[in-house]
Amino acid sequence: MSQTLDEILLGIRNGRHEDFDTLRRKYAPLIASTAASFEQSGGGSRVDLTEEAESALLRAALSYDIDNCKVSFGLYAKICIRNALVSFRRAKLSRERREKSSADAESRKRRRRTELDGVEADEILKRIGGELSELERAVLLKYTDGNSAAQTAAELGTSERSVNNALYRARRKLRERRPSE
């Protein structure tokens, strides 16, 4: 006996797993084509996208208003699946950007810890250590330890602008004292 779509949706709402399996089989082509489309655009792996699309189909089945339907369930499901995959792709891209940004910041921080303008921190202090003011020395040491201007300013109880100016003066002194090559 073939069930109507309304009976399948009511069965899903009543917890009948076999009704969701029926609905999933019926909408398998939509799920597969939408997942494939998002996979091609870099939205994720087909397995992850298919799982997300199936979850969206379940949410659509649970939220579709059978009694007051202004659109067909098929269209409603298609919109829900597409929106879920767009959100999935956005979240994936956001994670990737955060990871890249974090990796880039860590890389900059590591470079800063050991070098300033291509010169090792210990060498800087040998060359111009006696010429640095107390603030310039403190800023330089915190900068080469990887602290940001904001962190350094907070720790030294001064403004970010003062920190940036002190770092600029230390760099200028370093450039003036570079050995001629």
Protein backbone atom coordinates (compact mmCIF):
# COMPACT_ATOMS: atom_id res chain seq x y z
CA MET A 1 0.00 0.00 0.00
CA SER A 2 1.36 3.35 -1.02
CA GLN A 3 1.25 6.13 1.56
CA THR A 4 0.40 9.71 0.77
CA LEU A 5 2.94 12.41 1.52
CA ASP A 6 0.76 13.73 4.35
CA GLU A 7 0.69 10.25 5.95
CA ILE A 8 4.46 9.98 5.65
CA LEU A 9 4.96 13.42 7.25
CA LEU A 10 2.56 12.57 10.09
CA GLY A 11 4.35 9.26 10.61
CA ILE A 12 7.71 11.07 10.85
CA ARG A 13 6.25 13.44 13.44
CA ASN A 14 5.05 10.43 15.40
CA GLY A 15 8.56 8.96 15.41
CA ARG A 16 8.21 6.32 12.70
CA HIS A 17 11.74 5.90 11.33
CA GLU A 18 10.58 3.85 8.40
CA ASP A 19 8.51 6.81 7.21
CA PHE A 20 11.61 9.00 7.17
CA ASP A 21 13.45 6.28 5.22
CA THR A 22 10.61 6.37 2.69
CA LEU A 23 10.81 10.16 2.43
CA ARG A 24 14.61 10.06 2.15
CA ARG A 25 14.40 7.54 -0.73
CA LYS A 26 11.80 9.70 -2.45
CA TYR A 27 14.02 12.81 -2.19
CA ALA A 28 17.34 11.02 -2.76
CA PRO A 29 17.80 12.52 -6.26
CA LEU A 30 17.29 16.06 -4.89
CA ILE A 31 19.70 15.42 -2.02
CA ALA A 32 22.32 13.86 -4.30
CA SER A 33 22.20 16.62 -6.92
CA THR A 34 22.24 19.43 -4.36
CA ALA A 35 25.13 17.84 -2.43
CA ALA A 36 27.06 17.32 -5.69
CA SER A 37 26.51 20.95 -6.67
CA PHE A 38 27.80 22.22 -3.33
CA GLU A 39 30.73 19.81 -3.42
CA GLN A 40 31.80 21.22 -6.79
CA SER A 41 31.73 24.75 -5.39
CA GLY A 42 34.00 23.78 -2.47
CA GLY A 43 31.25 23.43 0.10
CA GLY A 44 32.66 20.27 1.64
CA SER A 45 32.80 16.55 1.08
CA ARG A 46 29.84 14.83 -0.54
CA VAL A 47 29.34 12.61 2.53
CA ASP A 48 29.16 15.61 4.90
CA LEU A 49 26.91 17.53 2.52
CA THR A 50 24.59 14.54 2.06
CA GLU A 51 24.29 14.10 5.83
CA GLU A 52 23.55 17.80 6.24
CA ALA A 53 20.96 17.65 3.44
CA GLU A 54 19.27 14.63 5.03
CA SER A 55 19.14 16.44 8.38
CA ALA A 56 17.58 19.42 6.62
CA LEU A 57 15.02 17.11 5.00
CA LEU A 58 14.08 15.77 8.44
CA ARG A 59 13.76 19.31 9.84
CA ALA A 60 11.61 20.22 6.82
CA ALA A 61 9.35 17.21 7.42
CA LEU A 62 8.95 18.17 11.06
CA SER A 63 8.29 21.86 10.42
CA TYR A 64 6.15 21.73 7.27
CA ASP A 65 2.63 22.97 7.96
CA ILE A 66 0.43 20.31 6.37
CA ASP A 67 -2.83 22.13 7.09
CA ASN A 68 -1.80 25.56 5.87
CA CYS A 69 0.42 24.73 2.90
CA LYS A 70 1.02 27.63 0.56
CA VAL A 71 3.85 25.79 -1.18
CA SER A 72 4.33 22.15 -1.97
CA PHE A 73 6.41 20.05 0.39
CA GLY A 74 8.88 19.38 -2.43
CA LEU A 75 9.61 23.08 -2.88
CA TYR A 76 9.73 23.62 0.88
CA ALA A 77 12.16 20.72 1.28
CA LYS A 78 14.32 21.97 -1.60
CA ILE A 79 14.56 25.44 -0.03
CA CYS A 80 15.33 23.99 3.43
CA ILE A 81 18.05 21.71 2.02
CA ARG A 82 19.63 24.50 0.00
CA ASN A 83 19.59 26.91 2.96
CA ALA A 84 21.14 24.27 5.22
CA LEU A 85 23.94 23.61 2.74
CA VAL A 86 24.58 27.34 2.29
CA SER A 87 24.89 27.66 6.08
CA PHE A 88 27.13 24.59 6.17
CA ARG A 89 29.40 26.06 3.48
CA ARG A 90 29.54 29.44 5.25
CA ALA A 91 30.47 27.80 8.54
CA LYS A 92 33.17 25.75 6.78
CA LEU A 93 34.63 28.83 5.10
CA SER A 94 34.51 30.77 8.35
CA ARG A 95 36.40 27.98 10.16
CA GLU A 96 38.98 27.86 7.38
CA ARG A 97 39.47 31.64 7.52
CA ARG A 98 39.84 31.55 11.31
CA GLU A 99 42.35 28.70 11.09
CA LYS A 100 44.33 30.47 8.36
CA SER A 101 44.25 33.76 10.23
CA SER A 102 45.35 32.03 13.42
CA ALA A 103 48.16 30.22 11.61
CA ASP A 104 49.27 33.46 9.91
CA ALA A 105 49.22 35.34 13.22
CA GLU A 106 51.21 32.59 14.91
CA SER A 107 53.72 32.61 12.06
CA ARG A 108 54.12 36.40 12.33
CA LYS A 109 54.45 36.10 16.08
CA ARG A 110 57.18 33.44 15.76
CA ARG A 111 59.10 35.57 13.27
CA ARG A 112 58.77 38.59 15.53
CA ARG A 113 60.08 36.70 18.55
CA THR A 114 63.43 36.12 16.96
CA GLU A 115 63.82 38.90 14.43
CA LEU A 116 63.22 42.57 13.94
CA ASP A 117 63.89 43.88 10.45
CA GLY A 118 65.88 40.73 9.66
CA VAL A 119 68.17 41.04 12.71
CA GLU A 120 68.16 38.66 15.67
CA ALA A 121 66.84 40.18 18.92
CA ASP A 122 70.11 39.50 20.78
CA GLU A 123 72.06 41.24 18.02
CA ILE A 124 69.79 44.28 18.24
CA LEU A 125 70.53 44.70 21.92
CA LYS A 126 74.28 44.33 21.28
CA ARG A 127 74.22 46.96 18.55
CA ILE A 128 71.98 49.61 20.01
CA GLY A 129 71.09 48.46 23.53
CA GLY A 130 72.92 51.37 25.15
CA GLU A 131 71.20 53.90 22.90
CA LEU A 132 67.65 52.79 23.70
CA SER A 133 65.50 54.59 26.22
CA GLU A 134 63.95 52.55 29.01
CA LEU A 135 60.60 52.51 27.16
CA GLU A 136 62.21 51.59 23.83
CA ARG A 137 64.07 48.68 25.44
CA ALA A 138 60.94 47.42 27.22
CA VAL A 139 58.84 47.71 24.04
CA LEU A 140 61.49 45.99 21.94
CA LEU A 141 61.78 43.06 24.37
CA LYS A 142 58.01 42.59 24.54
CA TYR A 143 57.70 42.91 20.75
CA THR A 144 60.35 40.27 20.11
CA ASP A 145 58.58 38.04 22.65
CA GLY A 146 55.54 38.18 20.36
CA ASN A 147 53.37 40.68 22.20
CA SER A 148 51.13 42.96 20.16
CA ALA A 149 51.19 46.72 20.56
CA ALA A 150 47.94 46.54 22.55
CA GLN A 151 49.31 43.86 24.89
CA THR A 152 52.55 45.77 25.37
CA ALA A 153 50.72 49.03 26.06
CA ALA A 154 48.54 47.36 28.67
CA GLU A 155 51.51 45.71 30.37
CA LEU A 156 53.60 48.90 30.40
CA GLY A 157 50.71 51.17 31.33
CA THR A 158 51.06 53.39 28.30
CA SER A 159 49.19 54.01 25.05
CA GLU A 160 49.44 51.92 21.89
CA ARG A 161 50.64 55.03 20.10
CA SER A 162 53.55 55.38 22.54
CA VAL A 163 54.41 51.72 22.01
CA ASN A 164 54.35 52.09 18.23
CA ASN A 165 56.45 55.27 18.42
CA ALA A 166 59.03 53.59 20.67
CA LEU A 167 59.23 50.63 18.29
CA TYR A 168 59.66 53.02 15.35
CA ARG A 169 62.51 54.84 17.15
CA ALA A 170 64.22 51.53 17.99
CA ARG A 171 64.01 50.44 14.35
CA ARG A 172 65.37 53.78 13.18
CA LYS A 173 68.33 53.48 15.54
CA LEU A 174 68.94 49.95 14.30
CA ARG A 175 68.91 51.08 10.64
CA GLU A 176 71.34 53.87 11.44
CA ARG A 177 73.77 51.43 13.09
CA ARG A 178 73.69 48.69 10.44
CA PRO A 179 77.18 47.59 9.53
CA SER A 180 78.08 48.57 5.98
CA GLU A 181 78.16 45.59 3.71
